PDB file of all heavy atoms in Angstrom:
ATOM      1  N   ILE A   1     -46.819  13.244  44.292  1.00  0.00           N
ATOM      2  CA  ILE A   1     -48.004  13.917  43.744  1.00  0.00           C
ATOM      3  C   ILE A   1     -47.646  15.336  43.330  1.00  0.00           C
ATOM      4  O   ILE A   1     -47.160  16.129  44.147  1.00  0.00           O
ATOM      5  CB  ILE A   1     -49.152  13.940  44.777  1.00  0.00           C
ATOM      6  CG1 ILE A   1     -49.618  12.515  45.082  1.00  0.00           C
ATOM      7  CG2 ILE A   1     -50.313  14.792  44.279  1.00  0.00           C
ATOM      8  CD1 ILE A   1     -50.284  11.791  43.934  1.00  0.00           C
ATOM      9  N   GLY A   2     -47.913  15.686  42.085  1.00  0.00           N
ATOM     10  CA  GLY A   2     -47.620  17.024  41.571  1.00  0.00           C
ATOM     11  C   GLY A   2     -46.601  16.962  40.452  1.00  0.00           C
ATOM     12  O   GLY A   2     -45.663  16.159  40.485  1.00  0.00           O
ATOM     13  N   SER A   3     -46.804  17.778  39.428  1.00  0.00           N
ATOM     14  CA  SER A   3     -45.878  17.824  38.295  1.00  0.00           C
ATOM     15  C   SER A   3     -45.699  19.269  37.841  1.00  0.00           C
ATOM     16  O   SER A   3     -46.678  19.917  37.473  1.00  0.00           O
ATOM     17  CB  SER A   3     -46.420  16.980  37.142  1.00  0.00           C
ATOM     18  OG  SER A   3     -45.546  16.981  36.042  1.00  0.00           O
ATOM     19  N   PRO A   4     -44.457  19.795  37.875  1.00  0.00           N
ATOM     20  CA  PRO A   4     -43.236  19.180  38.388  1.00  0.00           C
ATOM     21  C   PRO A   4     -43.358  18.848  39.883  1.00  0.00           C
ATOM     22  O   PRO A   4     -44.212  19.390  40.573  1.00  0.00           O
ATOM     23  CB  PRO A   4     -42.173  20.273  38.165  1.00  0.00           C
ATOM     24  CG  PRO A   4     -42.750  21.199  37.163  1.00  0.00           C
ATOM     25  CD  PRO A   4     -44.213  21.169  37.368  1.00  0.00           C
ATOM     26  N   ALA A   5     -42.483  17.977  40.334  1.00  0.00           N
ATOM     27  CA  ALA A   5     -42.550  17.494  41.707  1.00  0.00           C
ATOM     28  C   ALA A   5     -42.226  18.598  42.706  1.00  0.00           C
ATOM     29  O   ALA A   5     -41.582  19.605  42.382  1.00  0.00           O
ATOM     30  CB  ALA A   5     -41.568  16.333  41.895  1.00  0.00           C
ATOM     31  N   MET A   6     -42.689  18.402  43.920  1.00  0.00           N
ATOM     32  CA  MET A   6     -42.378  19.322  44.999  1.00  0.00           C
ATOM     33  C   MET A   6     -40.866  19.355  45.242  1.00  0.00           C
ATOM     34  O   MET A   6     -40.182  18.331  45.159  1.00  0.00           O
ATOM     35  CB  MET A   6     -43.094  18.882  46.288  1.00  0.00           C
ATOM     36  CG  MET A   6     -42.854  19.796  47.481  1.00  0.00           C
ATOM     37  SD  MET A   6     -43.607  19.189  49.012  1.00  0.00           S
ATOM     38  CE  MET A   6     -45.329  19.549  48.748  1.00  0.00           C
ATOM     39  N   ASN A   7     -40.331  20.534  45.516  1.00  0.00           N
ATOM     40  CA  ASN A   7     -38.925  20.662  45.928  1.00  0.00           C
ATOM     41  C   ASN A   7     -38.793  20.176  47.364  1.00  0.00           C
ATOM     42  O   ASN A   7     -39.512  20.661  48.249  1.00  0.00           O
ATOM     43  CB  ASN A   7     -38.486  22.130  45.848  1.00  0.00           C
ATOM     44  CG  ASN A   7     -38.572  22.677  44.433  1.00  0.00           C
ATOM     45  OD1 ASN A   7     -37.821  22.286  43.558  1.00  0.00           O
ATOM     46  ND2 ASN A   7     -39.500  23.603  44.201  1.00  0.00           N
ATOM     47  N   LEU A   8     -37.902  19.232  47.608  1.00  0.00           N
ATOM     48  CA  LEU A   8     -37.694  18.680  48.945  1.00  0.00           C
ATOM     49  C   LEU A   8     -36.211  18.730  49.295  1.00  0.00           C
ATOM     50  O   LEU A   8     -35.369  18.311  48.497  1.00  0.00           O
ATOM     51  CB  LEU A   8     -38.175  17.228  49.017  1.00  0.00           C
ATOM     52  CG  LEU A   8     -39.690  16.985  48.919  1.00  0.00           C
ATOM     53  CD1 LEU A   8     -39.976  15.531  48.608  1.00  0.00           C
ATOM     54  CD2 LEU A   8     -40.375  17.389  50.221  1.00  0.00           C
ATOM     55  N   PHE A   9     -35.897  19.267  50.475  1.00  0.00           N
ATOM     56  CA  PHE A   9     -34.503  19.274  50.931  1.00  0.00           C
ATOM     57  C   PHE A   9     -34.489  19.418  52.442  1.00  0.00           C
ATOM     58  O   PHE A   9     -35.455  19.871  53.064  1.00  0.00           O
ATOM     59  CB  PHE A   9     -33.707  20.395  50.262  1.00  0.00           C
ATOM     60  CG  PHE A   9     -34.342  21.760  50.366  1.00  0.00           C
ATOM     61  CD1 PHE A   9     -34.141  22.575  51.477  1.00  0.00           C
ATOM     62  CD2 PHE A   9     -35.144  22.242  49.342  1.00  0.00           C
ATOM     63  CE1 PHE A   9     -34.722  23.817  51.568  1.00  0.00           C
ATOM     64  CE2 PHE A   9     -35.749  23.487  49.420  1.00  0.00           C
ATOM     65  CZ  PHE A   9     -35.530  24.290  50.541  1.00  0.00           C
ATOM     66  N   ASP A  10     -33.379  19.016  53.043  1.00  0.00           N
ATOM     67  CA  ASP A  10     -33.228  19.116  54.497  1.00  0.00           C
ATOM     68  C   ASP A  10     -32.766  20.508  54.889  1.00  0.00           C
ATOM     69  O   ASP A  10     -31.974  21.130  54.174  1.00  0.00           O
ATOM     70  CB  ASP A  10     -32.222  18.079  55.010  1.00  0.00           C
ATOM     71  CG  ASP A  10     -32.740  16.652  54.875  1.00  0.00           C
ATOM     72  OD1 ASP A  10     -33.951  16.488  54.623  1.00  0.00           O
ATOM     73  OD2 ASP A  10     -31.932  15.713  55.021  1.00  0.00           O
ATOM     74  N   ALA A  11     -33.292  20.983  56.024  1.00  0.00           N
ATOM     75  CA  ALA A  11     -32.922  22.315  56.518  1.00  0.00           C
ATOM     76  C   ALA A  11     -32.723  22.255  58.023  1.00  0.00           C
ATOM     77  O   ALA A  11     -33.363  21.461  58.724  1.00  0.00           O
ATOM     78  CB  ALA A  11     -34.005  23.329  56.154  1.00  0.00           C
ATOM     79  N   ASP A  12     -31.832  23.099  58.528  1.00  0.00           N
ATOM     80  CA  ASP A  12     -31.556  23.161  59.966  1.00  0.00           C
ATOM     81  C   ASP A  12     -32.681  23.867  60.704  1.00  0.00           C
ATOM     82  O   ASP A  12     -33.222  24.880  60.241  1.00  0.00           O
ATOM     83  CB  ASP A  12     -30.244  23.918  60.224  1.00  0.00           C
ATOM     84  CG  ASP A  12     -29.032  23.160  59.720  1.00  0.00           C
ATOM     85  OD1 ASP A  12     -28.964  21.933  59.931  1.00  0.00           O
ATOM     86  OD2 ASP A  12     -28.150  23.791  59.093  1.00  0.00           O
ATOM     87  N   VAL A  13     -33.017  23.330  61.872  1.00  0.00           N
ATOM     88  CA  VAL A  13     -33.950  24.012  62.765  1.00  0.00           C
ATOM     89  C   VAL A  13     -33.171  25.097  63.510  1.00  0.00           C
ATOM     90  O   VAL A  13     -32.119  24.836  64.093  1.00  0.00           O
ATOM     91  CB  VAL A  13     -34.571  23.020  63.773  1.00  0.00           C
ATOM     92  CG1 VAL A  13     -35.452  23.758  64.775  1.00  0.00           C
ATOM     93  CG2 VAL A  13     -35.359  21.943  63.045  1.00  0.00           C
ATOM     94  N   VAL A  14     -33.663  26.329  63.464  1.00  0.00           N
ATOM     95  CA  VAL A  14     -33.009  27.461  64.127  1.00  0.00           C
ATOM     96  C   VAL A  14     -34.045  28.185  64.987  1.00  0.00           C
ATOM     97  O   VAL A  14     -35.228  27.857  64.990  1.00  0.00           O
ATOM     98  CB  VAL A  14     -32.396  28.440  63.093  1.00  0.00           C
ATOM     99  CG1 VAL A  14     -31.283  27.768  62.312  1.00  0.00           C
ATOM    100  CG2 VAL A  14     -33.452  28.975  62.135  1.00  0.00           C
ATOM    101  N   GLU A  15     -33.589  29.173  65.708  1.00  0.00           N
ATOM    102  CA  GLU A  15     -34.489  29.959  66.557  1.00  0.00           C
ATOM    103  C   GLU A  15     -35.598  30.581  65.701  1.00  0.00           C
ATOM    104  O   GLU A  15     -35.338  31.316  64.757  1.00  0.00           O
ATOM    105  CB  GLU A  15     -33.708  31.070  67.266  1.00  0.00           C
ATOM    106  CG  GLU A  15     -34.527  31.882  68.256  1.00  0.00           C
ATOM    107  CD  GLU A  15     -35.014  31.069  69.449  1.00  0.00           C
ATOM    108  OE1 GLU A  15     -34.297  30.121  69.850  1.00  0.00           O
ATOM    109  OE2 GLU A  15     -36.116  31.352  69.942  1.00  0.00           O
ATOM    110  N   GLY A  16     -36.828  30.220  66.004  1.00  0.00           N
ATOM    111  CA  GLY A  16     -37.966  30.820  65.300  1.00  0.00           C
ATOM    112  C   GLY A  16     -38.435  30.074  64.070  1.00  0.00           C
ATOM    113  O   GLY A  16     -39.466  30.422  63.497  1.00  0.00           O
ATOM    114  N   GLY A  17     -37.711  29.056  63.624  1.00  0.00           N
ATOM    115  CA  GLY A  17     -38.165  28.364  62.424  1.00  0.00           C
ATOM    116  C   GLY A  17     -37.094  27.464  61.847  1.00  0.00           C
ATOM    117  O   GLY A  17     -36.411  26.731  62.565  1.00  0.00           O
ATOM    118  N   VAL A  18     -36.917  27.525  60.516  1.00  0.00           N
ATOM    119  CA  VAL A  18     -35.899  26.723  59.836  1.00  0.00           C
ATOM    120  C   VAL A  18     -35.045  27.633  58.960  1.00  0.00           C
ATOM    121  O   VAL A  18     -35.513  28.666  58.463  1.00  0.00           O
ATOM    122  CB  VAL A  18     -36.526  25.597  58.979  1.00  0.00           C
ATOM    123  CG1 VAL A  18     -37.300  24.622  59.841  1.00  0.00           C
ATOM    124  CG2 VAL A  18     -37.411  26.153  57.890  1.00  0.00           C
ATOM    125  N   GLN A  19     -33.793  27.237  58.789  1.00  0.00           N
ATOM    126  CA  GLN A  19     -32.867  28.025  57.986  1.00  0.00           C
ATOM    127  C   GLN A  19     -33.218  27.899  56.510  1.00  0.00           C
ATOM    128  O   GLN A  19     -33.341  26.795  55.982  1.00  0.00           O
ATOM    129  CB  GLN A  19     -31.433  27.556  58.223  1.00  0.00           C
ATOM    130  CG  GLN A  19     -30.371  28.476  57.671  1.00  0.00           C
ATOM    131  CD  GLN A  19     -30.302  29.800  58.437  1.00  0.00           C
ATOM    132  OE1 GLN A  19     -30.338  29.814  59.663  1.00  0.00           O
ATOM    133  NE2 GLN A  19     -30.230  30.906  57.703  1.00  0.00           N
ATOM    134  N   PHE A  20     -33.389  29.045  55.866  1.00  0.00           N
ATOM    135  CA  PHE A  20     -33.718  29.056  54.447  1.00  0.00           C
ATOM    136  C   PHE A  20     -32.700  29.940  53.743  1.00  0.00           C
ATOM    137  O   PHE A  20     -32.966  31.098  53.416  1.00  0.00           O
ATOM    138  CB  PHE A  20     -35.143  29.589  54.240  1.00  0.00           C
ATOM    139  CG  PHE A  20     -35.808  29.100  52.991  1.00  0.00           C
ATOM    140  CD1 PHE A  20     -36.507  27.902  52.972  1.00  0.00           C
ATOM    141  CD2 PHE A  20     -35.697  29.812  51.807  1.00  0.00           C
ATOM    142  CE1 PHE A  20     -37.104  27.436  51.818  1.00  0.00           C
ATOM    143  CE2 PHE A  20     -36.285  29.361  50.644  1.00  0.00           C
ATOM    144  CZ  PHE A  20     -36.998  28.174  50.648  1.00  0.00           C
ATOM    145  N   GLY A  21     -31.496  29.376  53.545  1.00  0.00           N
ATOM    146  CA  GLY A  21     -30.407  30.174  52.985  1.00  0.00           C
ATOM    147  C   GLY A  21     -30.029  31.269  53.963  1.00  0.00           C
ATOM    148  O   GLY A  21     -29.699  31.003  55.121  1.00  0.00           O
ATOM    149  N   THR A  22     -30.089  32.527  53.499  1.00  0.00           N
ATOM    150  CA  THR A  22     -29.758  33.666  54.365  1.00  0.00           C
ATOM    151  C   THR A  22     -30.990  34.208  55.078  1.00  0.00           C
ATOM    152  O   THR A  22     -30.923  35.261  55.715  1.00  0.00           O
ATOM    153  CB  THR A  22     -29.114  34.788  53.526  1.00  0.00           C
ATOM    154  OG1 THR A  22     -30.021  35.177  52.493  1.00  0.00           O
ATOM    155  CG2 THR A  22     -27.808  34.330  52.909  1.00  0.00           C
ATOM    156  N   ALA A  23     -32.115  33.505  54.975  1.00  0.00           N
ATOM    157  CA  ALA A  23     -33.349  33.924  55.651  1.00  0.00           C
ATOM    158  C   ALA A  23     -33.792  32.831  56.619  1.00  0.00           C
ATOM    159  O   ALA A  23     -33.252  31.717  56.615  1.00  0.00           O
ATOM    160  CB  ALA A  23     -34.447  34.206  54.630  1.00  0.00           C
ATOM    161  N   THR A  24     -34.751  33.177  57.461  1.00  0.00           N
ATOM    162  CA  THR A  24     -35.367  32.202  58.347  1.00  0.00           C
ATOM    163  C   THR A  24     -36.834  32.066  57.972  1.00  0.00           C
ATOM    164  O   THR A  24     -37.562  33.064  57.938  1.00  0.00           O
ATOM    165  CB  THR A  24     -35.265  32.637  59.828  1.00  0.00           C
ATOM    166  OG1 THR A  24     -33.892  32.762  60.197  1.00  0.00           O
ATOM    167  CG2 THR A  24     -35.939  31.613  60.734  1.00  0.00           C
ATOM    168  N   ALA A  25     -37.250  30.860  57.661  1.00  0.00           N
ATOM    169  CA  ALA A  25     -38.668  30.606  57.407  1.00  0.00           C
ATOM    170  C   ALA A  25     -39.304  30.280  58.752  1.00  0.00           C
ATOM    171  O   ALA A  25     -38.929  29.312  59.410  1.00  0.00           O
ATOM    172  CB  ALA A  25     -38.826  29.452  56.433  1.00  0.00           C
ATOM    173  N   LEU A  26     -40.228  31.120  59.170  1.00  0.00           N
ATOM    174  CA  LEU A  26     -40.812  30.999  60.501  1.00  0.00           C
ATOM    175  C   LEU A  26     -41.771  29.819  60.568  1.00  0.00           C
ATOM    176  O   LEU A  26     -42.692  29.696  59.763  1.00  0.00           O
ATOM    177  CB  LEU A  26     -41.539  32.284  60.876  1.00  0.00           C
ATOM    178  CG  LEU A  26     -40.708  33.579  60.780  1.00  0.00           C
ATOM    179  CD1 LEU A  26     -41.536  34.772  61.198  1.00  0.00           C
ATOM    180  CD2 LEU A  26     -39.451  33.460  61.638  1.00  0.00           C
ATOM    181  N   VAL A  27     -41.541  28.937  61.544  1.00  0.00           N
ATOM    182  CA  VAL A  27     -42.394  27.773  61.761  1.00  0.00           C
ATOM    183  C   VAL A  27     -42.706  27.694  63.245  1.00  0.00           C
ATOM    184  O   VAL A  27     -41.837  27.948  64.088  1.00  0.00           O
ATOM    185  CB  VAL A  27     -41.694  26.470  61.290  1.00  0.00           C
ATOM    186  CG1 VAL A  27     -42.600  25.264  61.510  1.00  0.00           C
ATOM    187  CG2 VAL A  27     -41.311  26.558  59.824  1.00  0.00           C
ATOM    188  N   ASP A  28     -43.926  27.350  63.571  1.00  0.00           N
ATOM    189  CA  ASP A  28     -44.380  27.272  64.956  1.00  0.00           C
ATOM    190  C   ASP A  28     -43.479  26.356  65.793  1.00  0.00           C
ATOM    191  O   ASP A  28     -43.141  25.249  65.381  1.00  0.00           O
ATOM    192  CB  ASP A  28     -45.820  26.748  64.969  1.00  0.00           C
ATOM    193  CG  ASP A  28     -46.397  26.698  66.373  1.00  0.00           C
ATOM    194  OD1 ASP A  28     -46.784  27.764  66.881  1.00  0.00           O
ATOM    195  OD2 ASP A  28     -46.431  25.598  66.936  1.00  0.00           O
ATOM    196  N   ARG A  29     -43.118  26.830  66.969  1.00  0.00           N
ATOM    197  CA  ARG A  29     -42.195  26.088  67.836  1.00  0.00           C
ATOM    198  C   ARG A  29     -42.753  24.717  68.228  1.00  0.00           C
ATOM    199  O   ARG A  29     -42.030  23.725  68.301  1.00  0.00           O
ATOM    200  CB  ARG A  29     -41.915  26.913  69.098  1.00  0.00           C
ATOM    201  CG  ARG A  29     -40.877  26.284  70.035  1.00  0.00           C
ATOM    202  CD  ARG A  29     -40.659  27.148  71.258  1.00  0.00           C
ATOM    203  NE  ARG A  29     -40.156  28.470  70.894  1.00  0.00           N
ATOM    204  CZ  ARG A  29     -39.990  29.465  71.770  1.00  0.00           C
ATOM    205  NH1 ARG A  29     -40.308  29.279  73.038  1.00  0.00           N
ATOM    206  NH2 ARG A  29     -39.533  30.633  71.377  1.00  0.00           N
TER     207      ARG A  29
END
């Protein structure tokens, strides 16, 4: 659903969230 389509990729779970390149995207533990 959506055009262009949603960007989807796998990311590592790290302290405080998920790895987003050189940043951390904060996600609830």
